[in-house]
Amino acid sequence: MNQGYGSQNMAGHLRRVLVKRPDSAFAVSDAARWHYTGRPNLEIALKEHGRFVELLHRAGTEVVYHEEPQPKRADAIYVHDPAFVTDKGAILLHMGKLLRRGEEEAIGRRFESLEIPIFYKLHGDATAEGGDLLWIDHDTLAVGQGFRTNGEGLRQLTLAMRALEVKVIPVPLPYFQGPDACLHLMSFISIIGEKIAVVYPSLMPIPFWQELRNRGFSFVGVADEEFLTMAANVLSLTPTSCVMLAGNPITKKRLEEVGFEVLTYAGNEISLKAEGGPTCLTRPILRTG
């Protein structure tokens, strides 16, 4: 189909993915400014990240590193958010979180070094983050509308998607914990298989829930006690396997009961302290199937 890129689904085989190792910028001293629950321990974070990458390798995924230093950008390890990759190339977003501005250009340079063309760049007043963009299928993109992705971002993404013949579905997000917290669309839903999604029902907008039901989706529910430990943030590796944060046994069991192999990683430093699960730590470059 193309030259080794294209990821217009959430649950095909993850063939190629971009990650960024934790560095000194991630071990930020002013944790409250970044809305972290504590200062990450860099030594432990590097070990956690290394083990997480091992799980990707185990699934047969080619792992590509984003090595460019980004001083003072603690969230840069969450490479899912500044851009996403379509069949025609990468779309560079514009971060809603002001502290993250500049990550977009850096990841764009990495894409160009990998010979992935830049298909579109958000501009002007538009904001959008990758965590608000959910491929329902190859030709349908759900766009969360919240504090990180605004109306102009939705308008520009809709325009860009026309060239791909992709339908865009806006999904208004709840206030939840307010503008300082990070609530993305994918904070409460992950598509992990053919018409199968992990969801936290309490935050699901009813029209979106109905849309997915009408499309034939079945749901694996996340228990209340596991939402804050990011049980809804699940990364599909193949149509029947996935990876999630350790410490969510109820959701893990429910996934296994519907036929998934569930890999887990310890992520106190790289995930729990900084609100970024396995999806956030990865930017899929190529998915097939």
C-alpha atoms as a PDB file:
ATOM      1  CA  MET A   1       0.000   0.000   0.000  1.00  0.00           C
ATOM      2  CA  ASN A   2       2.807   2.427   0.876  1.00  0.00           C
ATOM      3  CA  GLN A   3       6.395   2.706   2.068  1.00  0.00           C
ATOM      4  CA  GLY A   4       6.055   1.256   5.540  1.00  0.00           C
ATOM      5  CA  TYR A   5       3.615   3.678   7.137  1.00  0.00           C
ATOM      6  CA  GLY A   6      -0.119   3.980   7.600  1.00  0.00           C
ATOM      7  CA  SER A   7      -2.073   3.454  10.798  1.00  0.00           C
ATOM      8  CA  GLN A   8      -5.751   4.156  10.252  1.00  0.00           C
ATOM      9  CA  ASN A   9      -7.007   1.654  12.816  1.00  0.00           C
ATOM     10  CA  MET A  10      -6.480   0.918  16.491  1.00  0.00           C
ATOM     11  CA  ALA A  11      -6.456  -2.873  16.512  1.00  0.00           C
ATOM     12  CA  GLY A  12      -4.614  -4.347  13.543  1.00  0.00           C
ATOM     13  CA  HIS A  13      -1.163  -5.863  13.840  1.00  0.00           C
ATOM     14  CA  LEU A  14       1.170  -3.211  15.246  1.00  0.00           C
ATOM     15  CA  ARG A  15       4.067  -3.579  12.815  1.00  0.00           C
ATOM     16  CA  ARG A  16       6.081  -0.426  13.483  1.00  0.00           C
ATOM     17  CA  VAL A  17       5.942   2.046  16.347  1.00  0.00           C
ATOM     18  CA  LEU A  18       7.758   5.148  17.595  1.00  0.00           C
ATOM     19  CA  VAL A  19       8.747   5.517  21.259  1.00  0.00           C
ATOM     20  CA  LYS A  20      10.870   7.941  23.290  1.00  0.00           C
ATOM     21  CA  ARG A  21      12.972   6.926  26.279  1.00  0.00           C
ATOM     22  CA  PRO A  22      12.570   8.856  29.549  1.00  0.00           C
ATOM     23  CA  ASP A  23      15.365  11.387  30.026  1.00  0.00           C
ATOM     24  CA  SER A  24      16.347  14.204  32.376  1.00  0.00           C
ATOM     25  CA  ALA A  25      13.485  16.357  31.066  1.00  0.00           C
ATOM     26  CA  PHE A  26      10.992  13.716  32.210  1.00  0.00           C
ATOM     27  CA  ALA A  27      12.432  13.594  35.741  1.00  0.00           C
ATOM     28  CA  VAL A  28      11.050  17.080  36.277  1.00  0.00           C
ATOM     29  CA  SER A  29      11.546  18.637  39.712  1.00  0.00           C
ATOM     30  CA  ASP A  30       8.363  20.736  39.592  1.00  0.00           C
ATOM     31  CA  ALA A  31       5.919  17.847  39.386  1.00  0.00           C
ATOM     32  CA  ALA A  32       2.867  19.927  40.295  1.00  0.00           C
ATOM     33  CA  ARG A  33       3.439  22.264  37.344  1.00  0.00           C
ATOM     34  CA  TRP A  34       3.156  19.287  35.007  1.00  0.00           C
ATOM     35  CA  HIS A  35       0.216  17.827  36.913  1.00  0.00           C
ATOM     36  CA  TYR A  36       2.288  14.792  37.989  1.00  0.00           C
ATOM     37  CA  THR A  37       1.597  13.090  41.300  1.00  0.00           C
ATOM     38  CA  GLY A  38       5.319  13.099  42.150  1.00  0.00           C
ATOM     39  CA  ARG A  39       8.759  13.568  40.653  1.00  0.00           C
ATOM     40  CA  PRO A  40       9.620  10.566  38.441  1.00  0.00           C
ATOM     41  CA  ASN A  41      12.669   8.517  39.406  1.00  0.00           C
ATOM     42  CA  LEU A  42      14.674   8.444  36.156  1.00  0.00           C
ATOM     43  CA  GLU A  43      16.608   5.254  36.917  1.00  0.00           C
ATOM     44  CA  ILE A  44      13.434   3.285  37.611  1.00  0.00           C
ATOM     45  CA  ALA A  45      11.618   4.973  34.715  1.00  0.00           C
ATOM     46  CA  LEU A  46      14.276   3.800  32.270  1.00  0.00           C
ATOM     47  CA  LYS A  47      13.949   0.218  33.521  1.00  0.00           C
ATOM     48  CA  GLU A  48      10.154   0.342  33.256  1.00  0.00           C
ATOM     49  CA  HIS A  49      10.335   1.741  29.753  1.00  0.00           C
ATOM     50  CA  GLY A  50      12.866  -0.879  28.690  1.00  0.00           C
ATOM     51  CA  ARG A  51      10.606  -3.684  29.883  1.00  0.00           C
ATOM     52  CA  PHE A  52       7.632  -2.087  28.158  1.00  0.00           C
ATOM     53  CA  VAL A  53       9.580  -2.013  24.874  1.00  0.00           C
ATOM     54  CA  GLU A  54      10.450  -5.692  25.373  1.00  0.00           C
ATOM     55  CA  LEU A  55       6.728  -6.476  25.271  1.00  0.00           C
ATOM     56  CA  LEU A  56       6.442  -4.663  21.945  1.00  0.00           C
ATOM     57  CA  HIS A  57       9.364  -6.663  20.564  1.00  0.00           C
ATOM     58  CA  ARG A  58       7.778  -9.876  21.837  1.00  0.00           C
ATOM     59  CA  ALA A  59       4.724  -9.108  19.703  1.00  0.00           C
ATOM     60  CA  GLY A  60       6.927  -8.768  16.624  1.00  0.00           C
ATOM     61  CA  THR A  61       6.728  -4.993  16.476  1.00  0.00           C
ATOM     62  CA  GLU A  62       9.600  -2.965  15.044  1.00  0.00           C
ATOM     63  CA  VAL A  63      10.440  -0.263  17.601  1.00  0.00           C
ATOM     64  CA  VAL A  64      11.860   3.043  16.355  1.00  0.00           C
ATOM     65  CA  TYR A  65      13.256   5.597  18.811  1.00  0.00           C
ATOM     66  CA  HIS A  66      12.650   9.339  18.872  1.00  0.00           C
ATOM     67  CA  GLU A  67      16.009  10.464  20.242  1.00  0.00           C
ATOM     68  CA  GLU A  68      15.967  14.238  19.759  1.00  0.00           C
ATOM     69  CA  PRO A  69      16.483  15.939  23.157  1.00  0.00           C
ATOM     70  CA  GLN A  70      13.616  18.155  24.232  1.00  0.00           C
ATOM     71  CA  PRO A  71      14.765  20.092  27.300  1.00  0.00           C
ATOM     72  CA  LYS A  72      11.976  21.327  29.587  1.00  0.00           C
ATOM     73  CA  ARG A  73       9.361  19.161  27.848  1.00  0.00           C
ATOM     74  CA  ALA A  74       8.661  16.501  30.449  1.00  0.00           C
ATOM     75  CA  ASP A  75       5.718  14.991  28.548  1.00  0.00           C
ATOM     76  CA  ALA A  76       7.711  14.355  25.368  1.00  0.00           C
ATOM     77  CA  ILE A  77       7.917  10.616  26.156  1.00  0.00           C
ATOM     78  CA  TYR A  78       4.195  10.474  25.361  1.00  0.00           C
ATOM     79  CA  VAL A  79       4.743  10.405  21.618  1.00  0.00           C
ATOM     80  CA  HIS A  80       1.122   9.533  20.863  1.00  0.00           C
ATOM     81  CA  ASP A  81      -0.042  13.118  21.242  1.00  0.00           C
ATOM     82  CA  PRO A  82       1.895  15.481  18.911  1.00  0.00           C
ATOM     83  CA  ALA A  83       1.025  13.717  15.635  1.00  0.00           C
ATOM     84  CA  PHE A  84      -0.575  10.709  13.977  1.00  0.00           C
ATOM     85  CA  VAL A  85       0.120   8.712  10.840  1.00  0.00           C
ATOM     86  CA  THR A  86      -2.317   8.152   7.983  1.00  0.00           C
ATOM     87  CA  ASP A  87      -2.078   6.319   4.671  1.00  0.00           C
ATOM     88  CA  LYS A  88      -0.871   9.556   3.077  1.00  0.00           C
ATOM     89  CA  GLY A  89       1.659  10.450   5.761  1.00  0.00           C
ATOM     90  CA  ALA A  90       1.857  12.187   9.129  1.00  0.00           C
ATOM     91  CA  ILE A  91      -0.432  14.891  10.436  1.00  0.00           C
ATOM     92  CA  LEU A  92       1.277  17.250  12.875  1.00  0.00           C
ATOM     93  CA  LEU A  93      -1.091  18.431  15.578  1.00  0.00           C
ATOM     94  CA  HIS A  94      -0.941  21.513  17.840  1.00  0.00           C
ATOM     95  CA  MET A  95      -0.855  20.741  21.524  1.00  0.00           C
ATOM     96  CA  GLY A  96      -3.616  22.014  23.770  1.00  0.00           C
ATOM     97  CA  LYS A  97      -1.314  21.774  26.798  1.00  0.00           C
ATOM     98  CA  LEU A  98       0.874  24.874  26.486  1.00  0.00           C
ATOM     99  CA  LEU A  99       3.861  23.245  28.184  1.00  0.00           C
ATOM    100  CA  ARG A 100       3.981  20.701  25.345  1.00  0.00           C
ATOM    101  CA  ARG A 101       4.174  23.140  22.447  1.00  0.00           C
ATOM    102  CA  GLY A 102       7.178  22.378  20.257  1.00  0.00           C
ATOM    103  CA  GLU A 103       6.887  18.594  20.450  1.00  0.00           C
ATOM    104  CA  GLU A 104       5.071  18.692  17.121  1.00  0.00           C
ATOM    105  CA  GLU A 105       8.027  20.038  15.133  1.00  0.00           C
ATOM    106  CA  ALA A 106      10.454  17.632  16.801  1.00  0.00           C
ATOM    107  CA  ILE A 107       8.392  14.564  15.960  1.00  0.00           C
ATOM    108  CA  GLY A 108       7.897  15.921  12.457  1.00  0.00           C
ATOM    109  CA  ARG A 109      11.662  15.944  11.954  1.00  0.00           C
ATOM    110  CA  ARG A 110      11.822  12.334  13.101  1.00  0.00           C
ATOM    111  CA  PHE A 111       9.098  11.333  10.652  1.00  0.00           C
ATOM    112  CA  GLU A 112      10.952  13.016   7.817  1.00  0.00           C
ATOM    113  CA  SER A 113      14.140  11.138   8.755  1.00  0.00           C
ATOM    114  CA  LEU A 114      12.090   7.933   8.449  1.00  0.00           C
ATOM    115  CA  GLU A 115      10.875   9.048   4.994  1.00  0.00           C
ATOM    116  CA  ILE A 116       7.318   9.544   6.235  1.00  0.00           C
ATOM    117  CA  PRO A 117       5.915  12.619   4.460  1.00  0.00           C
ATOM    118  CA  ILE A 118       4.131  15.345   6.389  1.00  0.00           C
ATOM    119  CA  PHE A 119       0.643  15.293   4.954  1.00  0.00           C
ATOM    120  CA  TYR A 120      -0.907  18.128   6.973  1.00  0.00           C
ATOM    121  CA  LYS A 121      -0.101  20.530   9.830  1.00  0.00           C
ATOM    122  CA  LEU A 122      -2.622  22.135  12.118  1.00  0.00           C
ATOM    123  CA  HIS A 123      -2.171  25.895  12.181  1.00  0.00           C
ATOM    124  CA  GLY A 124      -3.550  29.129  13.555  1.00  0.00           C
ATOM    125  CA  ASP A 125      -5.797  28.748  16.588  1.00  0.00           C
ATOM    126  CA  ALA A 126      -6.349  25.011  16.109  1.00  0.00           C
ATOM    127  CA  THR A 127      -5.449  22.656  18.947  1.00  0.00           C
ATOM    128  CA  ALA A 128      -5.648  18.868  18.956  1.00  0.00           C
ATOM    129  CA  GLU A 129      -3.844  16.054  20.727  1.00  0.00           C
ATOM    130  CA  GLY A 130      -3.478  12.436  19.663  1.00  0.00           C
ATOM    131  CA  GLY A 131      -5.214  11.150  22.766  1.00  0.00           C
ATOM    132  CA  ASP A 132      -8.426  12.695  21.448  1.00  0.00           C
ATOM    133  CA  LEU A 133      -8.235  10.885  18.098  1.00  0.00           C
ATOM    134  CA  LEU A 134      -9.722   7.389  17.917  1.00  0.00           C
ATOM    135  CA  TRP A 135      -9.953   5.353  14.721  1.00  0.00           C
ATOM    136  CA  ILE A 136     -13.295   3.546  14.830  1.00  0.00           C
ATOM    137  CA  ASP A 137     -12.337   1.865  11.577  1.00  0.00           C
ATOM    138  CA  HIS A 138     -10.101   2.641   8.597  1.00  0.00           C
ATOM    139  CA  ASP A 139     -12.525   5.243   7.269  1.00  0.00           C
ATOM    140  CA  THR A 140     -13.951   6.745  10.484  1.00  0.00           C
ATOM    141  CA  LEU A 141     -12.147   8.957  12.994  1.00  0.00           C
ATOM    142  CA  ALA A 142     -13.705  10.014  16.303  1.00  0.00           C
ATOM    143  CA  VAL A 143     -12.426  13.375  17.592  1.00  0.00           C
ATOM    144  CA  GLY A 144     -12.842  14.238  21.270  1.00  0.00           C
ATOM    145  CA  GLN A 145     -13.849  17.823  21.977  1.00  0.00           C
ATOM    146  CA  GLY A 146     -12.463  18.939  25.316  1.00  0.00           C
ATOM    147  CA  PHE A 147      -9.798  21.113  26.886  1.00  0.00           C
ATOM    148  CA  ARG A 148      -7.030  19.743  24.600  1.00  0.00           C
ATOM    149  CA  THR A 149      -8.806  19.672  21.213  1.00  0.00           C
ATOM    150  CA  ASN A 150     -10.882  22.687  20.199  1.00  0.00           C
ATOM    151  CA  GLY A 151     -13.446  23.488  17.520  1.00  0.00           C
ATOM    152  CA  GLU A 152     -10.891  24.862  15.080  1.00  0.00           C
ATOM    153  CA  GLY A 153      -8.824  21.718  15.522  1.00  0.00           C
ATOM    154  CA  LEU A 154     -11.901  19.673  14.667  1.00  0.00           C
ATOM    155  CA  ARG A 155     -12.566  21.819  11.592  1.00  0.00           C
ATOM    156  CA  GLN A 156      -9.032  21.453  10.248  1.00  0.00           C
ATOM    157  CA  LEU A 157      -8.907  17.730  10.953  1.00  0.00           C
ATOM    158  CA  THR A 158     -12.222  17.285   9.154  1.00  0.00           C
ATOM    159  CA  LEU A 159     -10.783  19.136   6.163  1.00  0.00           C
ATOM    160  CA  ALA A 160      -7.618  17.009   6.174  1.00  0.00           C
ATOM    161  CA  MET A 161      -9.607  13.784   6.451  1.00  0.00           C
ATOM    162  CA  ARG A 162     -11.643  14.571   3.324  1.00  0.00           C
ATOM    163  CA  ALA A 163      -8.578  13.883   1.195  1.00  0.00           C
ATOM    164  CA  LEU A 164      -8.481  10.416   2.786  1.00  0.00           C
ATOM    165  CA  GLU A 165     -12.236   9.882   2.371  1.00  0.00           C
ATOM    166  CA  VAL A 166     -12.488   9.547   6.152  1.00  0.00           C
ATOM    167  CA  LYS A 167     -15.617  10.495   8.079  1.00  0.00           C
ATOM    168  CA  VAL A 168     -15.053  12.495  11.280  1.00  0.00           C
ATOM    169  CA  ILE A 169     -17.343  12.034  14.295  1.00  0.00           C
ATOM    170  CA  PRO A 170     -17.114  14.762  16.987  1.00  0.00           C
ATOM    171  CA  VAL A 171     -17.352  13.471  20.569  1.00  0.00           C
ATOM    172  CA  PRO A 172     -17.987  16.138  23.265  1.00  0.00           C
ATOM    173  CA  LEU A 173     -16.052  15.279  26.421  1.00  0.00           C
ATOM    174  CA  PRO A 174     -17.157  15.799  30.046  1.00  0.00           C
ATOM    175  CA  TYR A 175     -15.622  18.411  32.353  1.00  0.00           C
ATOM    176  CA  PHE A 176     -14.401  15.685  34.742  1.00  0.00           C
ATOM    177  CA  GLN A 177     -11.535  17.203  36.828  1.00  0.00           C
ATOM    178  CA  GLY A 178     -11.235  20.437  34.876  1.00  0.00           C
ATOM    179  CA  PRO A 179      -8.783  22.076  32.474  1.00  0.00           C
ATOM    180  CA  ASP A 180      -5.594  21.258  34.406  1.00  0.00           C
ATOM    181  CA  ALA A 181      -6.205  17.515  34.346  1.00  0.00           C
ATOM    182  CA  CYS A 182      -5.684  15.392  31.254  1.00  0.00           C
ATOM    183  CA  LEU A 183      -8.923  13.851  30.049  1.00  0.00           C
ATOM    184  CA  HIS A 184      -8.595  12.665  26.480  1.00  0.00           C
ATOM    185  CA  LEU A 185     -11.151  10.680  24.536  1.00  0.00           C
ATOM    186  CA  MET A 186      -8.873   7.683  24.963  1.00  0.00           C
ATOM    187  CA  SER A 187      -8.790   8.159  28.718  1.00  0.00           C
ATOM    188  CA  PHE A 188     -12.020   6.172  28.843  1.00  0.00           C
ATOM    189  CA  ILE A 189     -12.031   4.062  25.695  1.00  0.00           C
ATOM    190  CA  SER A 190      -9.571   1.845  23.809  1.00  0.00           C
ATOM    191  CA  ILE A 191     -10.433  -0.138  20.703  1.00  0.00           C
ATOM    192  CA  ILE A 192      -8.565  -3.426  20.963  1.00  0.00           C
ATOM    193  CA  GLY A 193     -10.096  -5.762  18.401  1.00  0.00           C
ATOM    194  CA  GLU A 194     -12.615  -6.081  15.596  1.00  0.00           C
ATOM    195  CA  LYS A 195     -15.530  -4.093  17.032  1.00  0.00           C
ATOM    196  CA  ILE A 196     -14.357  -4.632  20.625  1.00  0.00           C
ATOM    197  CA  ALA A 197     -13.611  -1.730  22.957  1.00  0.00           C
ATOM    198  CA  VAL A 198     -12.497  -1.359  26.567  1.00  0.00           C
ATOM    199  CA  VAL A 199     -14.633   1.400  28.094  1.00  0.00           C
ATOM    200  CA  TYR A 200     -15.246   3.177  31.355  1.00  0.00           C
ATOM    201  CA  PRO A 201     -19.028   3.589  31.003  1.00  0.00           C
ATOM    202  CA  SER A 202     -19.415   6.400  33.553  1.00  0.00           C
ATOM    203  CA  LEU A 203     -17.612   8.857  31.238  1.00  0.00           C
ATOM    204  CA  MET A 204     -18.954   7.611  27.903  1.00  0.00           C
ATOM    205  CA  PRO A 205     -21.111  10.252  26.166  1.00  0.00           C
ATOM    206  CA  ILE A 206     -24.421   8.593  25.407  1.00  0.00           C
ATOM    207  CA  PRO A 207     -24.555   9.518  21.682  1.00  0.00           C
ATOM    208  CA  PHE A 208     -21.073   8.065  21.196  1.00  0.00           C
ATOM    209  CA  TRP A 209     -22.005   4.920  23.121  1.00  0.00           C
ATOM    210  CA  GLN A 210     -25.051   4.570  20.865  1.00  0.00           C
ATOM    211  CA  GLU A 211     -22.978   5.191  17.721  1.00  0.00           C
ATOM    212  CA  LEU A 212     -20.600   2.366  18.593  1.00  0.00           C
ATOM    213  CA  ARG A 213     -23.437   0.037  19.551  1.00  0.00           C
ATOM    214  CA  ASN A 214     -25.153   0.735  16.232  1.00  0.00           C
ATOM    215  CA  ARG A 215     -21.878  -0.188  14.504  1.00  0.00           C
ATOM    216  CA  GLY A 216     -21.905  -3.553  16.256  1.00  0.00           C
ATOM    217  CA  PHE A 217     -19.311  -2.923  18.972  1.00  0.00           C
ATOM    218  CA  SER A 218     -19.188  -4.945  22.163  1.00  0.00           C
ATOM    219  CA  PHE A 219     -17.696  -3.460  25.315  1.00  0.00           C
ATOM    220  CA  VAL A 220     -15.379  -4.712  28.047  1.00  0.00           C
ATOM    221  CA  GLY A 221     -16.173  -2.586  31.072  1.00  0.00           C
ATOM    222  CA  VAL A 222     -13.617  -1.047  33.427  1.00  0.00           C
ATOM    223  CA  ALA A 223     -14.424  -1.226  37.127  1.00  0.00           C
ATOM    224  CA  ASP A 224     -14.666   2.046  39.059  1.00  0.00           C
ATOM    225  CA  GLU A 225     -11.694   1.142  41.235  1.00  0.00           C
ATOM    226  CA  GLU A 226      -9.462   0.640  38.199  1.00  0.00           C
ATOM    227  CA  PHE A 227     -10.227   3.765  36.193  1.00  0.00           C
ATOM    228  CA  LEU A 228      -7.652   5.965  37.922  1.00  0.00           C
ATOM    229  CA  THR A 229      -4.991   3.288  37.400  1.00  0.00           C
ATOM    230  CA  MET A 230      -5.637   3.604  33.666  1.00  0.00           C
ATOM    231  CA  ALA A 231      -7.311   0.268  33.019  1.00  0.00           C
ATOM    232  CA  ALA A 232      -9.137   1.882  30.093  1.00  0.00           C
ATOM    233  CA  ASN A 233      -5.821   2.725  28.416  1.00  0.00           C
ATOM    234  CA  VAL A 234      -5.027  -0.495  26.551  1.00  0.00           C
ATOM    235  CA  LEU A 235      -2.714  -0.833  23.544  1.00  0.00           C
ATOM    236  CA  SER A 236      -3.656  -3.422  20.937  1.00  0.00           C
ATOM    237  CA  LEU A 237      -0.664  -5.381  19.620  1.00  0.00           C
ATOM    238  CA  THR A 238      -2.489  -7.868  17.398  1.00  0.00           C
ATOM    239  CA  PRO A 239      -6.201  -8.564  16.876  1.00  0.00           C
ATOM    240  CA  THR A 240      -6.061 -10.959  19.862  1.00  0.00           C
ATOM    241  CA  SER A 241      -3.356  -9.529  22.148  1.00  0.00           C
ATOM    242  CA  CYS A 242      -2.815  -6.285  24.012  1.00  0.00           C
ATOM    243  CA  VAL A 243      -0.728  -4.609  26.699  1.00  0.00           C
ATOM    244  CA  MET A 244      -1.954  -2.721  29.755  1.00  0.00           C
ATOM    245  CA  LEU A 245      -0.621  -1.292  32.994  1.00  0.00           C
ATOM    246  CA  ALA A 246      -0.120  -3.837  35.774  1.00  0.00           C
ATOM    247  CA  GLY A 247      -2.350  -3.578  38.828  1.00  0.00           C
ATOM    248  CA  ASN A 248      -5.722  -3.809  37.079  1.00  0.00           C
ATOM    249  CA  PRO A 249      -6.690  -7.448  37.664  1.00  0.00           C
ATOM    250  CA  ILE A 250     -10.443  -7.052  37.138  1.00  0.00           C
ATOM    251  CA  THR A 251     -10.115  -5.565  33.665  1.00  0.00           C
ATOM    252  CA  LYS A 252      -7.311  -7.967  32.788  1.00  0.00           C
ATOM    253  CA  LYS A 253      -9.501 -10.932  33.675  1.00  0.00           C
ATOM    254  CA  ARG A 254     -12.415  -9.542  31.676  1.00  0.00           C
ATOM    255  CA  LEU A 255     -10.171  -9.178  28.624  1.00  0.00           C
ATOM    256  CA  GLU A 256      -8.897 -12.710  29.005  1.00  0.00           C
ATOM    257  CA  GLU A 257     -12.461 -13.997  29.298  1.00  0.00           C
ATOM    258  CA  VAL A 258     -13.259 -12.622  25.844  1.00  0.00           C
ATOM    259  CA  GLY A 259     -10.176 -14.272  24.341  1.00  0.00           C
ATOM    260  CA  PHE A 260      -7.325 -11.760  24.595  1.00  0.00           C
ATOM    261  CA  GLU A 261      -3.766 -12.450  25.609  1.00  0.00           C
ATOM    262  CA  VAL A 262      -2.995  -9.615  28.028  1.00  0.00           C
ATOM    263  CA  LEU A 263       0.581  -8.497  28.647  1.00  0.00           C
ATOM    264  CA  THR A 264       1.269  -6.127  31.532  1.00  0.00           C
ATOM    265  CA  TYR A 265       4.080  -3.809  32.547  1.00  0.00           C
ATOM    266  CA  ALA A 266       4.978  -2.051  35.785  1.00  0.00           C
ATOM    267  CA  GLY A 267       4.662   1.684  35.190  1.00  0.00           C
ATOM    268  CA  ASN A 268       4.649   3.571  38.459  1.00  0.00           C
ATOM    269  CA  GLU A 269       7.137   6.130  37.102  1.00  0.00           C
ATOM    270  CA  ILE A 270       6.368   6.262  33.380  1.00  0.00           C
ATOM    271  CA  SER A 271       2.596   5.949  33.663  1.00  0.00           C
ATOM    272  CA  LEU A 272       0.947   6.440  37.045  1.00  0.00           C
ATOM    273  CA  LYS A 273       2.900   9.516  38.131  1.00  0.00           C
ATOM    274  CA  ALA A 274       2.399  11.331  34.857  1.00  0.00           C
ATOM    275  CA  GLU A 275      -1.019  10.219  33.504  1.00  0.00           C
ATOM    276  CA  GLY A 276       0.299   8.330  30.480  1.00  0.00           C
ATOM    277  CA  GLY A 277      -0.541   4.697  29.759  1.00  0.00           C
ATOM    278  CA  PRO A 278       0.723   2.278  27.088  1.00  0.00           C
ATOM    279  CA  THR A 279      -1.127   3.990  24.256  1.00  0.00           C
ATOM    280  CA  CYS A 280       0.332   7.357  25.245  1.00  0.00           C
ATOM    281  CA  LEU A 281       3.873   5.931  25.224  1.00  0.00           C
ATOM    282  CA  THR A 282       3.587   4.868  21.586  1.00  0.00           C
ATOM    283  CA  ARG A 283       2.946   6.449  18.215  1.00  0.00           C
ATOM    284  CA  PRO A 284       1.935   3.707  15.774  1.00  0.00           C
ATOM    285  CA  ILE A 285       3.578   4.161  12.387  1.00  0.00           C
ATOM    286  CA  LEU A 286       2.268   1.050  10.656  1.00  0.00           C
ATOM    287  CA  ARG A 287      -0.660  -1.206  11.452  1.00  0.00           C
ATOM    288  CA  THR A 288      -1.945  -3.877   9.100  1.00  0.00           C
ATOM    289  CA  GLY A 289      -5.032  -6.038   9.076  1.00  0.00           C
END
